[in-house]
């Protein structure tokens, strides 16, 4: 995903990725990313939990707007609900 984001950014379109593996994200130099501590396959949260999903999207949009330098990775302030 990070490689695709870089290609899109080269065309002048800002991107943000929601990621679950910080090491890979750092290595491919994703332009902007929100790192979530969620299980693989559920980057936005549980399937039926709209509140968590909206929170992830809002945080990702905040990263898109506020990240000033390339390679910014922000830890999400959202935890997987029990």
N, C-alpha and C. Protein backbone atom coordinates (compact mmCIF):
# COMPACT_ATOMS: atom_id res chain seq x y z
N UNK A 1 0.82 -1.18 0.00
CA UNK A 1 0.00 0.00 0.00
C UNK A 1 0.86 1.25 0.00
N UNK A 2 1.94 1.24 0.76
CA UNK A 2 2.81 2.41 0.83
C UNK A 2 3.45 2.75 -0.50
N UNK A 3 3.80 1.74 -1.28
CA UNK A 3 4.39 1.99 -2.60
C UNK A 3 3.38 2.64 -3.52
N UNK A 4 2.13 2.21 -3.45
CA UNK A 4 1.06 2.81 -4.26
C UNK A 4 0.84 4.25 -3.81
N UNK A 5 0.84 4.48 -2.51
CA UNK A 5 0.66 5.84 -1.99
C UNK A 5 1.76 6.76 -2.49
N UNK A 6 3.00 6.27 -2.51
CA UNK A 6 4.10 7.10 -3.02
C UNK A 6 3.90 7.46 -4.48
N UNK A 7 3.44 6.49 -5.29
CA UNK A 7 3.20 6.76 -6.71
C UNK A 7 2.09 7.79 -6.90
N UNK A 8 1.05 7.69 -6.10
CA UNK A 8 -0.05 8.65 -6.18
C UNK A 8 0.43 10.04 -5.76
N UNK A 9 1.25 10.09 -4.71
CA UNK A 9 1.78 11.38 -4.25
C UNK A 9 2.65 12.04 -5.31
N UNK A 10 3.37 11.24 -6.09
CA UNK A 10 4.20 11.80 -7.17
C UNK A 10 3.36 12.53 -8.20
N UNK A 11 2.08 12.20 -8.28
CA UNK A 11 1.16 12.87 -9.21
C UNK A 11 0.50 14.09 -8.55
N UNK A 12 0.87 14.39 -7.30
CA UNK A 12 0.37 15.57 -6.63
C UNK A 12 -0.88 15.36 -5.78
N UNK A 13 -1.23 14.11 -5.54
CA UNK A 13 -2.43 13.81 -4.74
C UNK A 13 -1.99 13.31 -3.37
N UNK A 14 -2.35 14.02 -2.29
CA UNK A 14 -1.97 13.59 -0.95
C UNK A 14 -2.65 12.28 -0.56
N UNK A 15 -1.95 11.47 0.20
CA UNK A 15 -2.50 10.18 0.65
C UNK A 15 -2.22 9.97 2.13
N UNK A 16 -2.98 9.07 2.73
CA UNK A 16 -2.71 8.57 4.07
C UNK A 16 -3.11 7.09 4.07
N UNK A 17 -2.28 6.27 4.70
CA UNK A 17 -2.57 4.84 4.79
C UNK A 17 -2.86 4.48 6.25
N UNK A 18 -3.82 3.61 6.46
CA UNK A 18 -4.07 3.04 7.78
C UNK A 18 -3.34 1.70 7.79
N UNK A 19 -2.35 1.58 8.69
CA UNK A 19 -1.45 0.43 8.65
C UNK A 19 -1.45 -0.33 9.97
N UNK A 20 -1.07 -1.61 9.89
CA UNK A 20 -0.99 -2.45 11.07
C UNK A 20 0.41 -3.01 11.29
N UNK A 21 1.36 -2.63 10.43
CA UNK A 21 2.74 -3.07 10.58
C UNK A 21 3.66 -1.88 10.40
N UNK A 22 4.17 -1.40 11.49
CA UNK A 22 5.00 -0.19 11.48
C UNK A 22 6.32 -0.41 10.74
N UNK A 23 6.95 -1.57 10.91
CA UNK A 23 8.24 -1.83 10.28
C UNK A 23 8.16 -1.75 8.76
N UNK A 24 7.18 -2.40 8.19
CA UNK A 24 7.01 -2.38 6.73
C UNK A 24 6.73 -0.96 6.27
N UNK A 25 5.89 -0.26 6.99
CA UNK A 25 5.53 1.11 6.64
C UNK A 25 6.77 2.00 6.62
N UNK A 26 7.63 1.85 7.60
CA UNK A 26 8.88 2.63 7.64
C UNK A 26 9.79 2.26 6.48
N UNK A 27 9.89 0.98 6.16
CA UNK A 27 10.80 0.53 5.10
C UNK A 27 10.38 0.96 3.71
N UNK A 28 9.09 1.01 3.43
CA UNK A 28 8.65 1.42 2.08
C UNK A 28 8.47 2.93 1.99
N UNK A 29 8.69 3.61 3.11
CA UNK A 29 8.62 5.07 3.15
C UNK A 29 7.26 5.61 2.70
N UNK A 30 6.23 5.08 3.32
CA UNK A 30 4.88 5.57 3.09
C UNK A 30 4.83 7.06 3.43
N UNK A 31 4.23 7.89 2.57
CA UNK A 31 4.22 9.35 2.81
C UNK A 31 3.60 9.75 4.16
N UNK A 32 2.45 9.22 4.49
CA UNK A 32 1.75 9.50 5.75
C UNK A 32 1.00 8.25 6.15
N UNK A 33 1.02 7.93 7.44
CA UNK A 33 0.33 6.72 7.88
C UNK A 33 -0.22 6.87 9.29
N UNK A 34 -1.32 6.19 9.52
CA UNK A 34 -1.90 6.05 10.85
C UNK A 34 -1.71 4.60 11.25
N UNK A 35 -0.95 4.36 12.31
CA UNK A 35 -0.67 3.01 12.77
C UNK A 35 -1.71 2.61 13.82
N UNK A 36 -2.47 1.56 13.53
CA UNK A 36 -3.48 1.05 14.45
C UNK A 36 -3.01 -0.28 15.04
N UNK A 37 -3.29 -0.48 16.30
CA UNK A 37 -2.92 -1.73 17.00
C UNK A 37 -4.11 -2.69 16.91
N UNK A 38 -4.50 -3.01 15.71
CA UNK A 38 -5.64 -3.89 15.46
C UNK A 38 -5.15 -5.17 14.80
N UNK A 39 -5.94 -6.25 14.85
CA UNK A 39 -5.56 -7.49 14.18
C UNK A 39 -5.59 -7.31 12.66
N UNK A 40 -4.74 -8.07 11.99
CA UNK A 40 -4.71 -8.02 10.53
C UNK A 40 -6.09 -8.33 9.96
N UNK A 41 -6.45 -7.62 8.91
CA UNK A 41 -7.72 -7.83 8.25
C UNK A 41 -8.82 -6.90 8.75
N UNK A 42 -8.52 -6.13 9.79
CA UNK A 42 -9.54 -5.22 10.33
C UNK A 42 -8.92 -3.85 10.62
N UNK A 43 -8.39 -3.16 9.61
CA UNK A 43 -7.70 -1.90 9.86
C UNK A 43 -8.59 -0.79 10.39
N UNK A 44 -9.89 -0.88 10.15
CA UNK A 44 -10.80 0.16 10.63
C UNK A 44 -11.53 -0.25 11.91
N UNK A 45 -11.29 -1.45 12.38
CA UNK A 45 -11.94 -1.92 13.60
C UNK A 45 -12.91 -3.05 13.33
N UNK A 46 -13.65 -3.45 14.34
CA UNK A 46 -14.61 -4.54 14.20
C UNK A 46 -15.69 -4.21 13.16
N UNK A 47 -16.15 -5.23 12.48
CA UNK A 47 -17.09 -5.06 11.37
C UNK A 47 -18.36 -4.32 11.75
N UNK A 48 -18.87 -4.52 12.91
CA UNK A 48 -20.15 -3.92 13.29
C UNK A 48 -20.01 -2.72 14.22
N UNK A 49 -18.79 -2.26 14.44
CA UNK A 49 -18.58 -1.17 15.38
C UNK A 49 -18.34 0.15 14.62
N UNK A 50 -19.42 0.81 14.29
CA UNK A 50 -19.36 2.03 13.49
C UNK A 50 -18.61 3.14 14.23
N UNK A 51 -18.75 3.22 15.54
CA UNK A 51 -18.09 4.27 16.31
C UNK A 51 -16.57 4.17 16.19
N UNK A 52 -16.03 2.96 16.29
CA UNK A 52 -14.59 2.76 16.17
C UNK A 52 -14.16 3.07 14.74
N UNK A 53 -14.90 2.61 13.76
CA UNK A 53 -14.57 2.86 12.36
C UNK A 53 -14.53 4.36 12.06
N UNK A 54 -15.51 5.09 12.55
CA UNK A 54 -15.53 6.54 12.34
C UNK A 54 -14.33 7.20 13.01
N UNK A 55 -13.96 6.72 14.19
CA UNK A 55 -12.81 7.28 14.89
C UNK A 55 -11.52 7.07 14.10
N UNK A 56 -11.35 5.89 13.53
CA UNK A 56 -10.16 5.61 12.74
C UNK A 56 -10.12 6.52 11.51
N UNK A 57 -11.24 6.65 10.82
CA UNK A 57 -11.28 7.51 9.63
C UNK A 57 -10.99 8.96 10.01
N UNK A 58 -11.54 9.43 11.10
CA UNK A 58 -11.29 10.81 11.54
C UNK A 58 -9.81 11.03 11.88
N UNK A 59 -9.20 10.07 12.56
CA UNK A 59 -7.78 10.19 12.89
C UNK A 59 -6.93 10.15 11.62
N UNK A 60 -7.29 9.29 10.66
CA UNK A 60 -6.55 9.22 9.41
C UNK A 60 -6.64 10.54 8.64
N UNK A 61 -7.82 11.14 8.61
CA UNK A 61 -7.98 12.43 7.95
C UNK A 61 -7.18 13.52 8.66
N UNK A 62 -7.09 13.45 9.98
CA UNK A 62 -6.28 14.41 10.72
C UNK A 62 -4.80 14.26 10.36
N UNK A 63 -4.34 13.04 10.18
CA UNK A 63 -2.95 12.81 9.75
C UNK A 63 -2.75 13.40 8.36
N UNK A 64 -3.70 13.18 7.48
CA UNK A 64 -3.61 13.71 6.12
C UNK A 64 -3.45 15.23 6.14
N UNK A 65 -4.21 15.90 6.98
CA UNK A 65 -4.20 17.37 7.04
C UNK A 65 -2.98 17.90 7.80
N UNK A 66 -2.59 17.23 8.88
CA UNK A 66 -1.59 17.79 9.79
C UNK A 66 -0.16 17.32 9.59
N UNK A 67 0.07 16.20 8.94
CA UNK A 67 1.43 15.70 8.76
C UNK A 67 2.18 16.61 7.80
N UNK A 68 3.26 17.19 8.28
CA UNK A 68 3.99 18.18 7.48
C UNK A 68 5.23 17.60 6.78
N UNK A 69 5.72 16.47 7.26
CA UNK A 69 6.93 15.94 6.63
C UNK A 69 6.69 14.53 6.10
N UNK A 70 7.33 14.18 5.00
CA UNK A 70 7.16 12.84 4.44
C UNK A 70 7.62 11.76 5.43
N UNK A 71 6.95 10.64 5.40
CA UNK A 71 7.31 9.52 6.27
C UNK A 71 6.70 9.58 7.65
N UNK A 72 5.77 10.51 7.86
CA UNK A 72 5.13 10.63 9.17
C UNK A 72 4.26 9.42 9.46
N UNK A 73 4.48 8.80 10.62
CA UNK A 73 3.65 7.70 11.09
C UNK A 73 3.11 8.10 12.46
N UNK A 74 1.80 8.15 12.58
CA UNK A 74 1.16 8.55 13.83
C UNK A 74 0.50 7.32 14.45
N UNK A 75 0.74 7.13 15.75
CA UNK A 75 0.08 6.05 16.48
C UNK A 75 -1.36 6.46 16.77
N UNK A 76 -2.30 5.61 16.40
CA UNK A 76 -3.71 5.89 16.65
C UNK A 76 -3.97 5.88 18.16
N UNK A 77 -4.86 6.74 18.57
CA UNK A 77 -5.25 6.78 19.97
C UNK A 77 -6.47 5.92 20.25
N UNK A 78 -6.67 4.93 19.41
CA UNK A 78 -7.87 4.08 19.49
C UNK A 78 -7.43 2.66 19.84
N UNK A 79 -8.11 2.04 20.78
CA UNK A 79 -7.80 0.66 21.14
C UNK A 79 -8.90 -0.27 20.63
N UNK A 80 -8.52 -1.50 20.36
CA UNK A 80 -9.47 -2.52 19.93
C UNK A 80 -10.45 -2.77 21.06
N UNK A 81 -11.75 -2.66 20.79
CA UNK A 81 -12.73 -2.86 21.86
C UNK A 81 -12.79 -4.32 22.28
N UNK A 82 -13.10 -4.53 23.57
CA UNK A 82 -13.21 -5.91 24.08
C UNK A 82 -14.46 -6.58 23.62
